[in-house]
Amino acid sequence: MINNELKSRVENDNVLVLERIFDAPRDLVFKMFKEPEHLKHWWGPTGWELPVCHIDFRPGGTWHFCMKCTDQNQGEYYGMESWGKVVYKDIVEPEMITYTDYFSDADGNINETMPSSEIKLEFIDLGDGETKLVNHAEYVSAEALQAVMDMGMLQGITETWNRLEERLNKIK
């Protein structure tokens, strides 16, 4: 049994590094991040769905998406929408994806008042059908990183990656 707990650490006050091992081959884990039909099943915390998911998966391309809370038990969050926009920088399939991650509106306009981040996703083949996913998220400042931490980002990414694991287990 692999240890699939999310590990997190902060480097240089403004870089959040997240790591988790998935019991799935690297090609499959990578595929989960590039195809809308997969992302729609796992992206977002528990109780949230992805009703909008438009991807142009190439350097310079974008991913515009909406996460919507569909769980009535989440009280004030029920019905809330959270829009995001990714601008891909570099893609080395199946090893790495780099992009800038923004908050946006429904039209894809970037929300300059919210912290953006430079993301590097590494997909490391551990052999035996296991993959380590490493997410480096660099923010402009320690304050920007703290702002997203205060929004519950760590809990959200933990739940999101739990959902990714469930999706992987369902289709592998």
Protein backbone atom coordinates (compact mmCIF):
# COMPACT_ATOMS: atom_id res chain seq x y z
CA MET A 1 0.00 0.00 0.00
CA ILE A 2 1.48 3.32 -1.04
CA ASN A 3 1.41 6.40 1.14
CA ASN A 4 -0.85 8.70 -0.85
CA GLU A 5 -1.14 11.52 1.65
CA LEU A 6 -0.70 15.03 0.37
CA LYS A 7 2.59 16.51 1.54
CA SER A 8 3.03 20.26 1.52
CA ARG A 9 5.82 22.67 2.30
CA VAL A 10 6.55 26.35 1.78
CA GLU A 11 9.85 27.42 0.22
CA ASN A 12 11.22 30.99 0.16
CA ASP A 13 8.00 32.27 1.81
CA ASN A 14 6.15 32.43 -1.52
CA VAL A 15 6.38 28.94 -3.08
CA LEU A 16 4.00 26.17 -2.07
CA VAL A 17 5.12 22.66 -3.00
CA LEU A 18 2.55 19.87 -2.95
CA GLU A 19 3.39 16.20 -3.49
CA ARG A 20 1.34 13.04 -3.66
CA ILE A 21 1.87 9.53 -4.97
CA PHE A 22 -0.87 7.97 -7.10
CA ASP A 23 -1.23 4.26 -7.77
CA ALA A 24 -1.55 4.79 -11.53
CA PRO A 25 0.83 4.97 -14.49
CA ARG A 26 2.32 8.36 -15.34
CA ASP A 27 0.69 8.53 -18.80
CA LEU A 28 -2.74 8.12 -17.23
CA VAL A 29 -2.15 10.69 -14.47
CA PHE A 30 -0.93 13.18 -17.09
CA LYS A 31 -3.99 12.50 -19.26
CA MET A 32 -6.24 13.52 -16.33
CA PHE A 33 -4.85 17.07 -16.60
CA LYS A 34 -5.26 17.53 -20.35
CA GLU A 35 -8.67 16.15 -21.30
CA PRO A 36 -11.92 17.90 -20.34
CA GLU A 37 -13.84 14.62 -20.14
CA HIS A 38 -11.54 13.57 -17.29
CA LEU A 39 -11.18 16.95 -15.56
CA LYS A 40 -14.96 17.28 -15.30
CA HIS A 41 -15.01 14.23 -13.03
CA TRP A 42 -12.43 15.33 -10.46
CA TRP A 43 -11.33 18.97 -10.64
CA GLY A 44 -12.43 20.92 -7.58
CA PRO A 45 -13.13 20.17 -3.94
CA THR A 46 -15.79 17.74 -2.74
CA GLY A 47 -19.29 18.99 -3.55
CA TRP A 48 -18.13 21.12 -6.48
CA GLU A 49 -18.61 20.35 -10.18
CA LEU A 50 -17.01 21.67 -13.34
CA PRO A 51 -19.92 22.78 -15.58
CA VAL A 52 -17.59 24.79 -17.85
CA CYS A 53 -14.27 23.35 -19.03
CA HIS A 54 -12.75 24.73 -22.26
CA ILE A 55 -9.19 23.56 -22.95
CA ASP A 56 -6.71 24.45 -25.68
CA PHE A 57 -3.92 22.19 -24.40
CA ARG A 58 -0.76 23.58 -26.00
CA PRO A 59 1.91 26.14 -25.11
CA GLY A 60 0.17 29.51 -25.36
CA GLY A 61 -3.23 27.85 -25.12
CA THR A 62 -5.71 28.40 -22.31
CA TRP A 63 -8.00 26.48 -20.02
CA HIS A 64 -11.06 28.43 -18.89
CA PHE A 65 -13.25 26.75 -16.31
CA CYS A 66 -15.96 27.24 -13.72
CA MET A 67 -16.22 25.35 -10.47
CA LYS A 68 -19.72 25.41 -8.98
CA CYS A 69 -20.78 24.25 -5.52
CA THR A 70 -23.59 21.72 -5.90
CA ASP A 71 -23.64 20.45 -2.30
CA GLN A 72 -26.48 21.99 -0.28
CA ASN A 73 -24.67 20.96 2.92
CA GLN A 74 -21.99 23.57 2.19
CA GLY A 75 -24.35 26.34 3.28
CA GLU A 76 -23.34 29.76 2.00
CA TYR A 77 -21.14 28.19 -0.70
CA TYR A 78 -24.07 26.31 -2.29
CA GLY A 79 -24.60 27.68 -5.79
CA MET A 80 -21.38 29.69 -5.70
CA GLU A 81 -19.26 29.77 -8.84
CA SER A 82 -15.49 30.16 -8.95
CA TRP A 83 -14.01 30.91 -12.37
CA GLY A 84 -10.41 30.31 -13.33
CA LYS A 85 -8.15 30.71 -16.31
CA VAL A 86 -4.90 28.93 -17.05
CA VAL A 87 -2.40 30.05 -19.67
CA TYR A 88 -0.11 27.16 -20.63
CA LYS A 89 3.59 27.94 -21.00
CA ASP A 90 5.34 24.62 -21.55
CA ILE A 91 4.12 21.05 -21.96
CA VAL A 92 6.42 18.03 -22.02
CA GLU A 93 4.12 15.03 -22.25
CA PRO A 94 3.94 13.03 -19.96
CA GLU A 95 6.53 14.69 -17.70
CA MET A 96 5.66 18.31 -17.03
CA ILE A 97 3.14 21.12 -17.48
CA THR A 98 3.91 24.75 -16.64
CA TYR A 99 1.30 27.47 -16.63
CA THR A 100 0.08 30.66 -15.05
CA ASP A 101 -3.05 30.18 -12.94
CA TYR A 102 -5.48 33.09 -12.61
CA PHE A 103 -8.85 33.80 -11.08
CA SER A 104 -11.16 35.08 -13.81
CA ASP A 105 -14.74 35.91 -14.65
CA ALA A 106 -17.19 34.01 -16.85
CA ASP A 107 -15.84 35.79 -19.95
CA GLY A 108 -12.25 34.77 -19.20
CA ASN A 109 -11.14 38.22 -18.06
CA ILE A 110 -8.39 37.89 -15.46
CA ASN A 111 -9.23 39.15 -11.96
CA GLU A 112 -6.23 41.33 -11.14
CA THR A 113 -7.34 41.76 -7.52
CA MET A 114 -6.81 38.04 -6.78
CA PRO A 115 -3.41 36.34 -6.52
CA SER A 116 -2.17 34.49 -9.58
CA SER A 117 0.52 31.82 -9.46
CA GLU A 118 3.17 30.26 -11.67
CA ILE A 119 2.59 26.50 -11.62
CA LYS A 120 4.94 23.68 -12.50
CA LEU A 121 3.40 20.20 -12.42
CA GLU A 122 5.87 17.32 -12.51
CA PHE A 123 4.76 13.76 -13.21
CA ILE A 124 7.45 11.40 -11.92
CA ASP A 125 7.34 7.72 -12.90
CA LEU A 126 8.19 5.71 -9.78
CA GLY A 127 7.85 2.35 -11.53
CA ASP A 128 5.39 -0.40 -10.62
CA GLY A 129 2.56 1.74 -11.99
CA GLU A 130 3.03 4.54 -9.44
CA THR A 131 3.36 8.23 -10.19
CA LYS A 132 4.50 11.07 -7.96
CA LEU A 133 2.76 14.33 -8.75
CA VAL A 134 4.67 17.44 -7.64
CA ASN A 135 2.98 20.85 -7.86
CA HIS A 136 5.22 23.93 -7.43
CA ALA A 137 3.09 27.07 -7.07
CA GLU A 138 5.01 30.34 -6.95
CA TYR A 139 3.22 33.50 -5.85
CA VAL A 140 4.40 37.08 -6.24
CA SER A 141 4.78 37.43 -2.45
CA ALA A 142 4.37 35.66 0.87
CA GLU A 143 1.21 37.73 1.37
CA ALA A 144 -0.30 36.46 -1.90
CA LEU A 145 0.42 32.86 -0.87
CA GLN A 146 -1.09 33.51 2.56
CA ALA A 147 -4.20 34.98 0.92
CA VAL A 148 -4.94 31.74 -0.97
CA MET A 149 -4.07 29.65 2.10
CA ASP A 150 -6.61 31.72 4.07
CA MET A 151 -9.20 30.89 1.37
CA GLY A 152 -8.83 27.20 2.23
CA MET A 153 -6.68 26.26 -0.75
CA LEU A 154 -4.88 23.40 1.05
CA GLN A 155 -8.14 21.70 2.00
CA GLY A 156 -9.45 22.29 -1.50
CA ILE A 157 -6.42 20.76 -3.23
CA THR A 158 -6.44 17.81 -0.81
CA GLU A 159 -10.08 17.09 -1.69
CA THR A 160 -9.38 17.67 -5.39
CA TRP A 161 -6.49 15.21 -5.44
CA ASN A 162 -8.63 12.71 -3.47
CA ARG A 163 -11.17 12.99 -6.27
CA LEU A 164 -8.38 12.53 -8.82
CA GLU A 165 -7.39 9.31 -7.07
CA GLU A 166 -11.01 8.11 -7.15
CA ARG A 167 -11.20 8.87 -10.89
CA LEU A 168 -7.92 7.05 -11.55
CA ASN A 169 -9.11 4.01 -9.61
CA LYS A 170 -12.35 3.99 -11.59
CA ILE A 171 -10.76 4.02 -15.06
CA LYS A 172 -7.39 2.29 -14.78
